[in-house]
Amino acid sequence: MFSKEEELDYKELKRKLAVYDEMKRIEMDRIALRDQELDDIKEAEERAYQEAFEEAFKKGQEEVAEEVARNLLKEGYEIEWIAEVTGLSKEQMEKLRETNFFCLKINRDLKQSLLSRI
């Protein structure tokens, strides 16, 4: 059938093919791992973007509610009613009222000071 030399060549060829197949498998595993890592990074970026967007949206809603509450406070509406309408807590309303009162006092004092210079 095969000579000794041909049999050795065949065994060597078979060994080289096995090494090649193993190298190919390792490379495919490496590519799959890289692809999975890229997918994980993409998912993490998407989650971070979504969380940042939701946080910014919520903060924007809170700022609008506070602005509405400030305006209603200036108009003399009751804190309990404003809290109910805006969804702000009574504690937040008290803080806004104190801040509003302080700002109004500063504005009044500033106006009086400016008028006294005229």
PDB file of N, CA and C in Angstrom:
ATOM      1  N   MET A   1       0.812  -1.186   0.000  1.00  0.00           N
ATOM      2  CA  MET A   1       0.000   0.000   0.000  1.00  0.00           C
ATOM      3  C   MET A   1       0.861   1.257   0.000  1.00  0.00           C
ATOM      4  N   PHE A   2       1.152   1.734   1.220  1.00  0.00           N
ATOM      5  CA  PHE A   2       1.988   2.929   1.316  1.00  0.00           C
ATOM      6  C   PHE A   2       3.384   2.541   1.746  1.00  0.00           C
ATOM      7  N   SER A   3       4.309   3.243   1.207  1.00  0.00           N
ATOM      8  CA  SER A   3       5.675   3.019   1.656  1.00  0.00           C
ATOM      9  C   SER A   3       5.834   3.656   3.034  1.00  0.00           C
ATOM     10  N   LYS A   4       6.868   3.334   3.703  1.00  0.00           N
ATOM     11  CA  LYS A   4       7.152   3.865   5.037  1.00  0.00           C
ATOM     12  C   LYS A   4       7.234   5.383   4.983  1.00  0.00           C
ATOM     13  N   GLU A   5       7.883   5.870   3.958  1.00  0.00           N
ATOM     14  CA  GLU A   5       8.038   7.319   3.781  1.00  0.00           C
ATOM     15  C   GLU A   5       6.686   7.989   3.546  1.00  0.00           C
ATOM     16  N   GLU A   6       5.848   7.385   2.721  1.00  0.00           N
ATOM     17  CA  GLU A   6       4.519   7.942   2.451  1.00  0.00           C
ATOM     18  C   GLU A   6       3.653   7.915   3.711  1.00  0.00           C
ATOM     19  N   GLU A   7       3.788   6.851   4.485  1.00  0.00           N
ATOM     20  CA  GLU A   7       3.019   6.741   5.723  1.00  0.00           C
ATOM     21  C   GLU A   7       3.433   7.831   6.708  1.00  0.00           C
ATOM     22  N   LEU A   8       4.730   8.113   6.790  1.00  0.00           N
ATOM     23  CA  LEU A   8       5.214   9.187   7.668  1.00  0.00           C
ATOM     24  C   LEU A   8       4.721  10.540   7.174  1.00  0.00           C
ATOM     25  N   ASP A   9       4.733  10.768   5.863  1.00  0.00           N
ATOM     26  CA  ASP A   9       4.226  12.017   5.288  1.00  0.00           C
ATOM     27  C   ASP A   9       2.744  12.172   5.600  1.00  0.00           C
ATOM     28  N   TYR A  10       2.009  11.061   5.494  1.00  0.00           N
ATOM     29  CA  TYR A  10       0.579  11.092   5.784  1.00  0.00           C
ATOM     30  C   TYR A  10       0.330  11.444   7.250  1.00  0.00           C
ATOM     31  N   LYS A  11       1.075  10.823   8.153  1.00  0.00           N
ATOM     32  CA  LYS A  11       0.933  11.112   9.584  1.00  0.00           C
ATOM     33  C   LYS A  11       1.299  12.568   9.886  1.00  0.00           C
ATOM     34  N   GLU A  12       2.338  13.049   9.257  1.00  0.00           N
ATOM     35  CA  GLU A  12       2.751  14.453   9.449  1.00  0.00           C
ATOM     36  C   GLU A  12       1.676  15.397   8.925  1.00  0.00           C
ATOM     37  N   LEU A  13       1.135  15.088   7.766  1.00  0.00           N
ATOM     38  CA  LEU A  13       0.063  15.899   7.192  1.00  0.00           C
ATOM     39  C   LEU A  13      -1.158  15.894   8.118  1.00  0.00           C
ATOM     40  N   LYS A  14      -1.508  14.732   8.624  1.00  0.00           N
ATOM     41  CA  LYS A  14      -2.645  14.604   9.532  1.00  0.00           C
ATOM     42  C   LYS A  14      -2.402  15.417  10.805  1.00  0.00           C
ATOM     43  N   ARG A  15      -1.190  15.359  11.336  1.00  0.00           N
ATOM     44  CA  ARG A  15      -0.834  16.130  12.532  1.00  0.00           C
ATOM     45  C   ARG A  15      -0.939  17.631  12.255  1.00  0.00           C
ATOM     46  N   LYS A  16      -0.441  18.058  11.089  1.00  0.00           N
ATOM     47  CA  LYS A  16      -0.502  19.473  10.728  1.00  0.00           C
ATOM     48  C   LYS A  16      -1.952  19.930  10.567  1.00  0.00           C
ATOM     49  N   LEU A  17      -2.780  19.081   9.990  1.00  0.00           N
ATOM     50  CA  LEU A  17      -4.196  19.415   9.850  1.00  0.00           C
ATOM     51  C   LEU A  17      -4.861  19.553  11.226  1.00  0.00           C
ATOM     52  N   ALA A  18      -4.510  18.699  12.150  1.00  0.00           N
ATOM     53  CA  ALA A  18      -5.068  18.766  13.511  1.00  0.00           C
ATOM     54  C   ALA A  18      -4.626  20.066  14.190  1.00  0.00           C
ATOM     55  N   VAL A  19      -3.363  20.430  14.011  1.00  0.00           N
ATOM     56  CA  VAL A  19      -2.861  21.691  14.576  1.00  0.00           C
ATOM     57  C   VAL A  19      -3.590  22.868  13.945  1.00  0.00           C
ATOM     58  N   TYR A  20      -3.744  22.819  12.622  1.00  0.00           N
ATOM     59  CA  TYR A  20      -4.460  23.881  11.920  1.00  0.00           C
ATOM     60  C   TYR A  20      -5.901  23.991  12.423  1.00  0.00           C
ATOM     61  N   ASP A  21      -6.584  22.840  12.556  1.00  0.00           N
ATOM     62  CA  ASP A  21      -7.970  22.847  13.052  1.00  0.00           C
ATOM     63  C   ASP A  21      -8.046  23.440  14.465  1.00  0.00           C
ATOM     64  N   GLU A  22      -7.079  23.104  15.301  1.00  0.00           N
ATOM     65  CA  GLU A  22      -7.061  23.639  16.668  1.00  0.00           C
ATOM     66  C   GLU A  22      -6.816  25.154  16.654  1.00  0.00           C
ATOM     67  N   MET A  23      -5.891  25.604  15.811  1.00  0.00           N
ATOM     68  CA  MET A  23      -5.629  27.042  15.700  1.00  0.00           C
ATOM     69  C   MET A  23      -6.863  27.779  15.185  1.00  0.00           C
ATOM     70  N   LYS A  24      -7.541  27.176  14.217  1.00  0.00           N
ATOM     71  CA  LYS A  24      -8.749  27.765  13.661  1.00  0.00           C
ATOM     72  C   LYS A  24      -9.840  27.859  14.741  1.00  0.00           C
ATOM     73  N   ARG A  25      -9.992  26.798  15.548  1.00  0.00           N
ATOM     74  CA  ARG A  25     -10.970  26.797  16.632  1.00  0.00           C
ATOM     75  C   ARG A  25     -10.652  27.880  17.662  1.00  0.00           C
ATOM     76  N   ILE A  26      -9.384  28.004  18.017  1.00  0.00           N
ATOM     77  CA  ILE A  26      -8.960  29.024  18.985  1.00  0.00           C
ATOM     78  C   ILE A  26      -9.260  30.419  18.444  1.00  0.00           C
ATOM     79  N   GLU A  27      -8.981  30.638  17.180  1.00  0.00           N
ATOM     80  CA  GLU A  27      -9.252  31.942  16.555  1.00  0.00           C
ATOM     81  C   GLU A  27     -10.749  32.238  16.538  1.00  0.00           C
ATOM     82  N   MET A  28     -11.562  31.238  16.226  1.00  0.00           N
ATOM     83  CA  MET A  28     -13.012  31.422  16.215  1.00  0.00           C
ATOM     84  C   MET A  28     -13.519  31.741  17.626  1.00  0.00           C
ATOM     85  N   ASP A  29     -12.971  31.070  18.629  1.00  0.00           N
ATOM     86  CA  ASP A  29     -13.336  31.351  20.024  1.00  0.00           C
ATOM     87  C   ASP A  29     -12.947  32.781  20.397  1.00  0.00           C
ATOM     88  N   ARG A  30     -11.761  33.190  19.962  1.00  0.00           N
ATOM     89  CA  ARG A  30     -11.286  34.545  20.249  1.00  0.00           C
ATOM     90  C   ARG A  30     -12.210  35.583  19.612  1.00  0.00           C
ATOM     91  N   ILE A  31     -12.602  35.342  18.380  1.00  0.00           N
ATOM     92  CA  ILE A  31     -13.509  36.267  17.675  1.00  0.00           C
ATOM     93  C   ILE A  31     -14.864  36.316  18.381  1.00  0.00           C
ATOM     94  N   ALA A  32     -15.377  35.143  18.764  1.00  0.00           N
ATOM     95  CA  ALA A  32     -16.667  35.091  19.462  1.00  0.00           C
ATOM     96  C   ALA A  32     -16.585  35.842  20.785  1.00  0.00           C
ATOM     97  N   LEU A  33     -15.476  35.679  21.499  1.00  0.00           N
ATOM     98  CA  LEU A  33     -15.288  36.368  22.772  1.00  0.00           C
ATOM     99  C   LEU A  33     -15.215  37.877  22.553  1.00  0.00           C
ATOM    100  N   ARG A  34     -14.484  38.305  21.546  1.00  0.00           N
ATOM    101  CA  ARG A  34     -14.387  39.731  21.225  1.00  0.00           C
ATOM    102  C   ARG A  34     -15.762  40.293  20.869  1.00  0.00           C
ATOM    103  N   ASP A  35     -16.501  39.560  20.058  1.00  0.00           N
ATOM    104  CA  ASP A  35     -17.851  40.003  19.687  1.00  0.00           C
ATOM    105  C   ASP A  35     -18.744  40.114  20.915  1.00  0.00           C
ATOM    106  N   GLN A  36     -18.637  39.161  21.832  1.00  0.00           N
ATOM    107  CA  GLN A  36     -19.440  39.209  23.060  1.00  0.00           C
ATOM    108  C   GLN A  36     -19.037  40.408  23.912  1.00  0.00           C
ATOM    109  N   GLU A  37     -17.731  40.669  24.002  1.00  0.00           N
ATOM    110  CA  GLU A  37     -17.261  41.829  24.763  1.00  0.00           C
ATOM    111  C   GLU A  37     -17.789  43.123  24.146  1.00  0.00           C
ATOM    112  N   LEU A  38     -17.764  43.204  22.816  1.00  0.00           N
ATOM    113  CA  LEU A  38     -18.293  44.394  22.143  1.00  0.00           C
ATOM    114  C   LEU A  38     -19.795  44.546  22.392  1.00  0.00           C
ATOM    115  N   ASP A  39     -20.516  43.433  22.365  1.00  0.00           N
ATOM    116  CA  ASP A  39     -21.952  43.479  22.661  1.00  0.00           C
ATOM    117  C   ASP A  39     -22.195  43.942  24.095  1.00  0.00           C
ATOM    118  N   ASP A  40     -21.379  43.429  25.033  1.00  0.00           N
ATOM    119  CA  ASP A  40     -21.513  43.825  26.441  1.00  0.00           C
ATOM    120  C   ASP A  40     -21.248  45.320  26.618  1.00  0.00           C
ATOM    121  N   ILE A  41     -20.232  45.820  25.918  1.00  0.00           N
ATOM    122  CA  ILE A  41     -19.913  47.246  25.992  1.00  0.00           C
ATOM    123  C   ILE A  41     -21.055  48.071  25.421  1.00  0.00           C
ATOM    124  N   LYS A  42     -21.586  47.635  24.296  1.00  0.00           N
ATOM    125  CA  LYS A  42     -22.698  48.348  23.668  1.00  0.00           C
ATOM    126  C   LYS A  42     -23.914  48.365  24.589  1.00  0.00           C
ATOM    127  N   GLU A  43     -24.233  47.234  25.209  1.00  0.00           N
ATOM    128  CA  GLU A  43     -25.364  47.167  26.136  1.00  0.00           C
ATOM    129  C   GLU A  43     -25.140  48.081  27.335  1.00  0.00           C
ATOM    130  N   ALA A  44     -23.917  48.103  27.866  1.00  0.00           N
ATOM    131  CA  ALA A  44     -23.606  48.958  29.013  1.00  0.00           C
ATOM    132  C   ALA A  44     -23.749  50.430  28.629  1.00  0.00           C
ATOM    133  N   GLU A  45     -23.278  50.787  27.443  1.00  0.00           N
ATOM    134  CA  GLU A  45     -23.418  52.172  26.978  1.00  0.00           C
ATOM    135  C   GLU A  45     -24.885  52.549  26.816  1.00  0.00           C
ATOM    136  N   GLU A  46     -25.675  51.645  26.259  1.00  0.00           N
ATOM    137  CA  GLU A  46     -27.102  51.908  26.065  1.00  0.00           C
ATOM    138  C   GLU A  46     -27.812  52.071  27.407  1.00  0.00           C
ATOM    139  N   ARG A  47     -27.466  51.204  28.385  1.00  0.00           N
ATOM    140  CA  ARG A  47     -28.068  51.321  29.718  1.00  0.00           C
ATOM    141  C   ARG A  47     -27.684  52.647  30.364  1.00  0.00           C
ATOM    142  N   ALA A  48     -26.415  53.019  30.259  1.00  0.00           N
ATOM    143  CA  ALA A  48     -25.948  54.268  30.850  1.00  0.00           C
ATOM    144  C   ALA A  48     -26.646  55.460  30.207  1.00  0.00           C
ATOM    145  N   TYR A  49     -26.790  55.428  28.888  1.00  0.00           N
ATOM    146  CA  TYR A  49     -27.479  56.508  28.178  1.00  0.00           C
ATOM    147  C   TYR A  49     -28.931  56.591  28.629  1.00  0.00           C
ATOM    148  N   GLN A  50     -29.602  55.446  28.716  1.00  0.00           N
ATOM    149  CA  GLN A  50     -31.006  55.413  29.121  1.00  0.00           C
ATOM    150  C   GLN A  50     -31.169  55.937  30.546  1.00  0.00           C
ATOM    151  N   GLU A  51     -30.286  55.514  31.448  1.00  0.00           N
ATOM    152  CA  GLU A  51     -30.356  55.974  32.835  1.00  0.00           C
ATOM    153  C   GLU A  51     -30.109  57.476  32.926  1.00  0.00           C
ATOM    154  N   ALA A  52     -29.137  57.970  32.168  1.00  0.00           N
ATOM    155  CA  ALA A  52     -28.846  59.409  32.174  1.00  0.00           C
ATOM    156  C   ALA A  52     -30.029  60.191  31.613  1.00  0.00           C
ATOM    157  N   PHE A  53     -30.621  59.677  30.551  1.00  0.00           N
ATOM    158  CA  PHE A  53     -31.783  60.339  29.958  1.00  0.00           C
ATOM    159  C   PHE A  53     -32.944  60.388  30.953  1.00  0.00           C
ATOM    160  N   GLU A  54     -33.220  59.250  31.600  1.00  0.00           N
ATOM    161  CA  GLU A  54     -34.322  59.197  32.561  1.00  0.00           C
ATOM    162  C   GLU A  54     -34.067  60.136  33.741  1.00  0.00           C
ATOM    163  N   GLU A  55     -32.829  60.163  34.213  1.00  0.00           N
ATOM    164  CA  GLU A  55     -32.476  61.047  35.330  1.00  0.00           C
ATOM    165  C   GLU A  55     -32.640  62.512  34.930  1.00  0.00           C
ATOM    166  N   ALA A  56     -32.173  62.865  33.742  1.00  0.00           N
ATOM    167  CA  ALA A  56     -32.300  64.247  33.260  1.00  0.00           C
ATOM    168  C   ALA A  56     -33.764  64.614  33.064  1.00  0.00           C
ATOM    169  N   PHE A  57     -34.549  63.691  32.534  1.00  0.00           N
ATOM    170  CA  PHE A  57     -35.976  63.945  32.324  1.00  0.00           C
ATOM    171  C   PHE A  57     -36.674  64.164  33.663  1.00  0.00           C
ATOM    172  N   LYS A  58     -36.366  63.309  34.635  1.00  0.00           N
ATOM    173  CA  LYS A  58     -36.969  63.436  35.965  1.00  0.00           C
ATOM    174  C   LYS A  58     -36.570  64.763  36.604  1.00  0.00           C
ATOM    175  N   LYS A  59     -35.292  65.121  36.487  1.00  0.00           N
ATOM    176  CA  LYS A  59     -34.819  66.380  37.049  1.00  0.00           C
ATOM    177  C   LYS A  59     -35.526  67.554  36.370  1.00  0.00           C
ATOM    178  N   GLY A  60     -35.710  67.480  35.073  1.00  0.00           N
ATOM    179  CA  GLY A  60     -36.421  68.530  34.348  1.00  0.00           C
ATOM    180  C   GLY A  60     -37.856  68.658  34.830  1.00  0.00           C
ATOM    181  N   GLN A  61     -38.507  67.523  35.046  1.00  0.00           N
ATOM    182  CA  GLN A  61     -39.882  67.546  35.547  1.00  0.00           C
ATOM    183  C   GLN A  61     -39.936  68.186  36.931  1.00  0.00           C
ATOM    184  N   GLU A  62     -38.980  67.848  37.783  1.00  0.00           N
ATOM    185  CA  GLU A  62     -38.935  68.414  39.132  1.00  0.00           C
ATOM    186  C   GLU A  62     -38.702  69.925  39.071  1.00  0.00           C
ATOM    187  N   GLU A  63     -37.816  70.357  38.168  1.00  0.00           N
ATOM    188  CA  GLU A  63     -37.545  71.793  38.042  1.00  0.00           C
ATOM    189  C   GLU A  63     -38.789  72.545  37.564  1.00  0.00           C
ATOM    190  N   VAL A  64     -39.530  71.947  36.639  1.00  0.00           N
ATOM    191  CA  VAL A  64     -40.760  72.581  36.167  1.00  0.00           C
ATOM    192  C   VAL A  64     -41.772  72.650  37.303  1.00  0.00           C
ATOM    193  N   ALA A  65     -41.914  71.565  38.050  1.00  0.00           N
ATOM    194  CA  ALA A  65     -42.854  71.542  39.171  1.00  0.00           C
ATOM    195  C   ALA A  65     -42.476  72.604  40.212  1.00  0.00           C
ATOM    196  N   GLU A  66     -41.186  72.739  40.474  1.00  0.00           N
ATOM    197  CA  GLU A  66     -40.735  73.748  41.440  1.00  0.00           C
ATOM    198  C   GLU A  66     -41.009  75.163  40.924  1.00  0.00           C
ATOM    199  N   GLU A  67     -40.792  75.377  39.637  1.00  0.00           N
ATOM    200  CA  GLU A  67     -41.051  76.696  39.060  1.00  0.00           C
ATOM    201  C   GLU A  67     -42.538  77.038  39.142  1.00  0.00           C
ATOM    202  N   VAL A  68     -43.389  76.070  38.818  1.00  0.00           N
ATOM    203  CA  VAL A  68     -44.834  76.279  38.934  1.00  0.00           C
ATOM    204  C   VAL A  68     -45.187  76.571  40.385  1.00  0.00           C
ATOM    205  N   ALA A  69     -44.623  75.806  41.297  1.00  0.00           N
ATOM    206  CA  ALA A  69     -44.897  76.009  42.730  1.00  0.00           C
ATOM    207  C   ALA A  69     -44.453  77.396  43.174  1.00  0.00           C
ATOM    208  N   ARG A  70     -43.289  77.843  42.736  1.00  0.00           N
ATOM    209  CA  ARG A  70     -42.814  79.194  43.099  1.00  0.00           C
ATOM    210  C   ARG A  70     -43.811  80.258  42.627  1.00  0.00           C
ATOM    211  N   ASN A  71     -44.248  80.103  41.388  1.00  0.00           N
ATOM    212  CA  ASN A  71     -45.200  81.079  40.844  1.00  0.00           C
ATOM    213  C   ASN A  71     -46.521  81.058  41.609  1.00  0.00           C
ATOM    214  N   LEU A  72     -46.989  79.866  41.966  1.00  0.00           N
ATOM    215  CA  LEU A  72     -48.231  79.772  42.728  1.00  0.00           C
ATOM    216  C   LEU A  72     -48.059  80.334  44.135  1.00  0.00           C
ATOM    217  N   LEU A  73     -46.882  80.130  44.717  1.00  0.00           N
ATOM    218  CA  LEU A  73     -46.604  80.718  46.031  1.00  0.00           C
ATOM    219  C   LEU A  73     -46.650  82.243  45.956  1.00  0.00           C
ATOM    220  N   LYS A  74     -46.053  82.790  44.903  1.00  0.00           N
ATOM    221  CA  LYS A  74     -46.068  84.246  44.722  1.00  0.00           C
ATOM    222  C   LYS A  74     -47.492  84.774  44.616  1.00  0.00           C
ATOM    223  N   GLU A  75     -48.368  83.960  44.035  1.00  0.00           N
ATOM    224  CA  GLU A  75     -49.768  84.364  43.875  1.00  0.00           C
ATOM    225  C   GLU A  75     -50.578  84.161  45.151  1.00  0.00           C
ATOM    226  N   GLY A  76     -49.970  83.540  46.166  1.00  0.00           N
ATOM    227  CA  GLY A  76     -50.626  83.397  47.461  1.00  0.00           C
ATOM    228  C   GLY A  76     -51.432  82.131  47.653  1.00  0.00           C
ATOM    229  N   TYR A  77     -51.236  81.118  46.807  1.00  0.00           N
ATOM    230  CA  TYR A  77     -51.987  79.866  46.972  1.00  0.00           C
ATOM    231  C   TYR A  77     -51.460  79.099  48.187  1.00  0.00           C
ATOM    232  N   GLU A  78     -52.312  78.264  48.754  1.00  0.00           N
ATOM    233  CA  GLU A  78     -51.966  77.461  49.929  1.00  0.00           C
ATOM    234  C   GLU A  78     -50.940  76.376  49.576  1.00  0.00           C
ATOM    235  N   ILE A  79     -50.018  76.139  50.486  1.00  0.00           N
ATOM    236  CA  ILE A  79     -48.957  75.154  50.277  1.00  0.00           C
ATOM    237  C   ILE A  79     -49.536  73.762  50.024  1.00  0.00           C
ATOM    238  N   GLU A  80     -50.531  73.363  50.802  1.00  0.00           N
ATOM    239  CA  GLU A  80     -51.105  72.021  50.657  1.00  0.00           C
ATOM    240  C   GLU A  80     -51.677  71.826  49.253  1.00  0.00           C
ATOM    241  N   TRP A  81     -52.373  72.841  48.752  1.00  0.00           N
ATOM    242  CA  TRP A  81     -52.965  72.738  47.418  1.00  0.00           C
ATOM    243  C   TRP A  81     -51.873  72.680  46.344  1.00  0.00           C
ATOM    244  N   ILE A  82     -50.859  73.528  46.492  1.00  0.00           N
ATOM    245  CA  ILE A  82     -49.752  73.543  45.525  1.00  0.00           C
ATOM    246  C   ILE A  82     -49.036  72.193  45.521  1.00  0.00           C
ATOM    247  N   ALA A  83     -48.811  71.649  46.721  1.00  0.00           N
ATOM    248  CA  ALA A  83     -48.146  70.340  46.815  1.00  0.00           C
ATOM    249  C   ALA A  83     -48.965  69.275  46.106  1.00  0.00           C
ATOM    250  N   GLU A  84     -50.274  69.312  46.283  1.00  0.00           N
ATOM    251  CA  GLU A  84     -51.152  68.329  45.641  1.00  0.00           C
ATOM    252  C   GLU A  84     -51.118  68.476  44.118  1.00  0.00           C
ATOM    253  N   VAL A  85     -51.164  69.696  43.643  1.00  0.00           N
ATOM    254  CA  VAL A  85     -51.207  69.951  42.199  1.00  0.00           C
ATOM    255  C   VAL A  85     -49.877  69.619  41.526  1.00  0.00           C
ATOM    256  N   THR A  86     -48.767  69.981  42.157  1.00  0.00           N
ATOM    257  CA  THR A  86     -47.449  69.799  41.528  1.00  0.00           C
ATOM    258  C   THR A  86     -46.827  68.440  41.824  1.00  0.00           C
ATOM    259  N   GLY A  87     -47.313  67.762  42.859  1.00  0.00           N
ATOM    260  CA  GLY A  87     -46.727  66.480  43.241  1.00  0.00           C
ATOM    261  C   GLY A  87     -45.511  66.635  44.131  1.00  0.00           C
ATOM    262  N   LEU A  88     -45.200  67.873  44.527  1.00  0.00           N
ATOM    263  CA  LEU A  88     -44.071  68.096  45.432  1.00  0.00           C
ATOM    264  C   LEU A  88     -44.515  67.780  46.863  1.00  0.00           C
ATOM    265  N   SER A  89     -43.559  67.396  47.693  1.00  0.00           N
ATOM    266  CA  SER A  89     -43.878  67.109  49.090  1.00  0.00           C
ATOM    267  C   SER A  89     -44.052  68.416  49.855  1.00  0.00           C
ATOM    268  N   LYS A  90     -44.689  68.314  51.012  1.00  0.00           N
ATOM    269  CA  LYS A  90     -44.859  69.511  51.847  1.00  0.00           C
ATOM    270  C   LYS A  90     -43.502  70.049  52.292  1.00  0.00           C
ATOM    271  N   GLU A  91     -42.542  69.142  52.515  1.00  0.00           N
ATOM    272  CA  GLU A  91     -41.192  69.576  52.903  1.00  0.00           C
ATOM    273  C   GLU A  91     -40.548  70.390  51.772  1.00  0.00           C
ATOM    274  N   GLN A  92     -40.705  69.912  50.543  1.00  0.00           N
ATOM    275  CA  GLN A  92     -40.173  70.659  49.395  1.00  0.00           C
ATOM    276  C   GLN A  92     -40.863  72.017  49.289  1.00  0.00           C
ATOM    277  N   MET A  93     -42.159  72.028  49.556  1.00  0.00           N
ATOM    278  CA  MET A  93     -42.912  73.281  49.481  1.00  0.00           C
ATOM    279  C   MET A  93     -42.441  74.276  50.544  1.00  0.00           C
ATOM    280  N   GLU A  94     -42.201  73.779  51.749  1.00  0.00           N
ATOM    281  CA  GLU A  94     -41.702  74.656  52.820  1.00  0.00           C
ATOM    282  C   GLU A  94     -40.353  75.251  52.425  1.00  0.00           C
ATOM    283  N   LYS A  95     -39.500  74.422  51.869  1.00  0.00           N
ATOM    284  CA  LYS A  95     -38.179  74.897  51.432  1.00  0.00           C
ATOM    285  C   LYS A  95     -38.332  75.960  50.347  1.00  0.00           C
ATOM    286  N   LEU A  96     -39.215  75.712  49.390  1.00  0.00           N
ATOM    287  CA  LEU A  96     -39.448  76.691  48.322  1.00  0.00           C
ATOM    288  C   LEU A  96     -40.016  77.993  48.886  1.00  0.00           C
ATOM    289  N   ARG A  97     -40.928  77.860  49.837  1.00  0.00           N
ATOM    290  CA  ARG A  97     -41.522  79.054  50.428  1.00  0.00           C
ATOM    291  C   ARG A  97     -40.453  79.884  51.133  1.00  0.00           C
ATOM    292  N   GLU A  98     -39.578  79.196  51.882  1.00  0.00           N
ATOM    293  CA  GLU A  98     -38.499  79.914  52.577  1.00  0.00           C
ATOM    294  C   GLU A  98     -37.573  80.593  51.572  1.00  0.00           C
ATOM    295  N   THR A  99     -37.214  79.869  50.521  1.00  0.00           N
ATOM    296  CA  THR A  99     -36.345  80.425  49.484  1.00  0.00           C
ATOM    297  C   THR A  99     -37.047  81.584  48.787  1.00  0.00           C
ATOM    298  N   ASN A 100     -38.315  81.388  48.474  1.00  0.00           N
ATOM    299  CA  ASN A 100     -39.104  82.422  47.813  1.00  0.00           C
ATOM    300  C   ASN A 100     -39.191  83.671  48.694  1.00  0.00           C
ATOM    301  N   PHE A 101     -39.481  83.459  49.965  1.00  0.00           N
ATOM    302  CA  PHE A 101     -39.592  84.573  50.904  1.00  0.00           C
ATOM    303  C   PHE A 101     -38.274  85.333  50.978  1.00  0.00           C
ATOM    304  N   PHE A 102     -37.173  84.590  51.064  1.00  0.00           N
ATOM    305  CA  PHE A 102     -35.850  85.199  51.150  1.00  0.00           C
ATOM    306  C   PHE A 102     -35.571  86.026  49.890  1.00  0.00           C
ATOM    307  N   CYS A 103     -35.871  85.463  48.715  1.00  0.00           N
ATOM    308  CA  CYS A 103     -35.642  86.172  47.444  1.00  0.00           C
ATOM    309  C   CYS A 103     -36.524  87.410  47.341  1.00  0.00           C
ATOM    310  N   LEU A 104     -37.783  87.279  47.746  1.00  0.00           N
ATOM    311  CA  LEU A 104     -38.687  88.430  47.706  1.00  0.00           C
ATOM    312  C   LEU A 104     -38.193  89.538  48.624  1.00  0.00           C
ATOM    313  N   LYS A 105     -37.700  89.157  49.821  1.00  0.00           N
ATOM    314  CA  LYS A 105     -37.181  90.133  50.775  1.00  0.00           C
ATOM    315  C   LYS A 105     -35.963  90.839  50.188  1.00  0.00           C
ATOM    316  N   ILE A 106     -35.059  90.074  49.579  1.00  0.00           N
ATOM    317  CA  ILE A 106     -33.868  90.676  48.970  1.00  0.00           C
ATOM    318  C   ILE A 106     -34.289  91.627  47.852  1.00  0.00           C
ATOM    319  N   ASN A 107     -35.218  91.196  47.006  1.00  0.00           N
ATOM    320  CA  ASN A 107     -35.692  92.065  45.918  1.00  0.00           C
ATOM    321  C   ASN A 107     -36.326  93.341  46.466  1.00  0.00           C
ATOM    322  N   ARG A 108     -37.147  93.218  47.508  1.00  0.00           N
ATOM    323  CA  ARG A 108     -37.797  94.387  48.104  1.00  0.00           C
ATOM    324  C   ARG A 108     -36.744  95.333  48.685  1.00  0.00           C
ATOM    325  N   ASP A 109     -35.795  94.759  49.411  1.00  0.00           N
ATOM    326  CA  ASP A 109     -34.735  95.578  50.004  1.00  0.00           C
ATOM    327  C   ASP A 109     -33.890  96.257  48.928  1.00  0.00           C
ATOM    328  N   LEU A 110     -33.617  95.534  47.865  1.00  0.00           N
ATOM    329  CA  LEU A 110     -32.831  96.083  46.760  1.00  0.00           C
ATOM    330  C   LEU A 110     -33.591  97.230  46.093  1.00  0.00           C
ATOM    331  N   LYS A 111     -34.880  97.043  45.875  1.00  0.00           N
ATOM    332  CA  LYS A 111     -35.695  98.097  45.273  1.00  0.00           C
ATOM    333  C   LYS A 111     -35.705  99.353  46.160  1.00  0.00           C
ATOM    334  N   GLN A 112     -35.880  99.125  47.459  1.00  0.00           N
ATOM    335  CA  GLN A 112     -35.895 100.276  48.377  1.00  0.00           C
ATOM    336  C   GLN A 112     -34.564 100.982  48.378  1.00  0.00           C
ATOM    337  N   SER A 113     -33.481 100.220  48.348  1.00  0.00           N
ATOM    338  CA  SER A 113     -32.154 100.799  48.330  1.00  0.00           C
ATOM    339  C   SER A 113     -31.927 101.618  47.057  1.00  0.00           C
ATOM    340  N   LEU A 114     -32.355 101.061  45.925  1.00  0.00           N
ATOM    341  CA  LEU A 114     -32.212 101.790  44.661  1.00  0.00           C
ATOM    342  C   LEU A 114     -33.085 103.049  44.627  1.00  0.00           C
ATOM    343  N   LEU A 115     -34.293 102.933  45.130  1.00  0.00           N
ATOM    344  CA  LEU A 115     -35.198 104.088  45.134  1.00  0.00           C
ATOM    345  C   LEU A 115     -34.684 105.191  46.060  1.00  0.00           C
ATOM    346  N   SER A 116     -34.051 104.787  47.150  1.00  0.00           N
ATOM    347  CA  SER A 116     -33.543 105.795  48.090  1.00  0.00           C
ATOM    348  C   SER A 116     -32.364 106.573  47.504  1.00  0.00           C
ATOM    349  N   ARG A 117     -31.726 106.050  46.492  1.00  0.00           N
ATOM    350  CA  ARG A 117     -30.591 106.722  45.866  1.00  0.00           C
ATOM    351  C   ARG A 117     -31.051 107.759  44.832  1.00  0.00           C
ATOM    352  N   ILE A 118     -32.305 107.648  44.437  1.00  0.00           N
ATOM    353  CA  ILE A 118     -32.812 108.552  43.402  1.00  0.00           C
ATOM    354  C   ILE A 118     -33.137 109.894  43.982  1.00  0.00           C
TER     355      ILE A 118
END
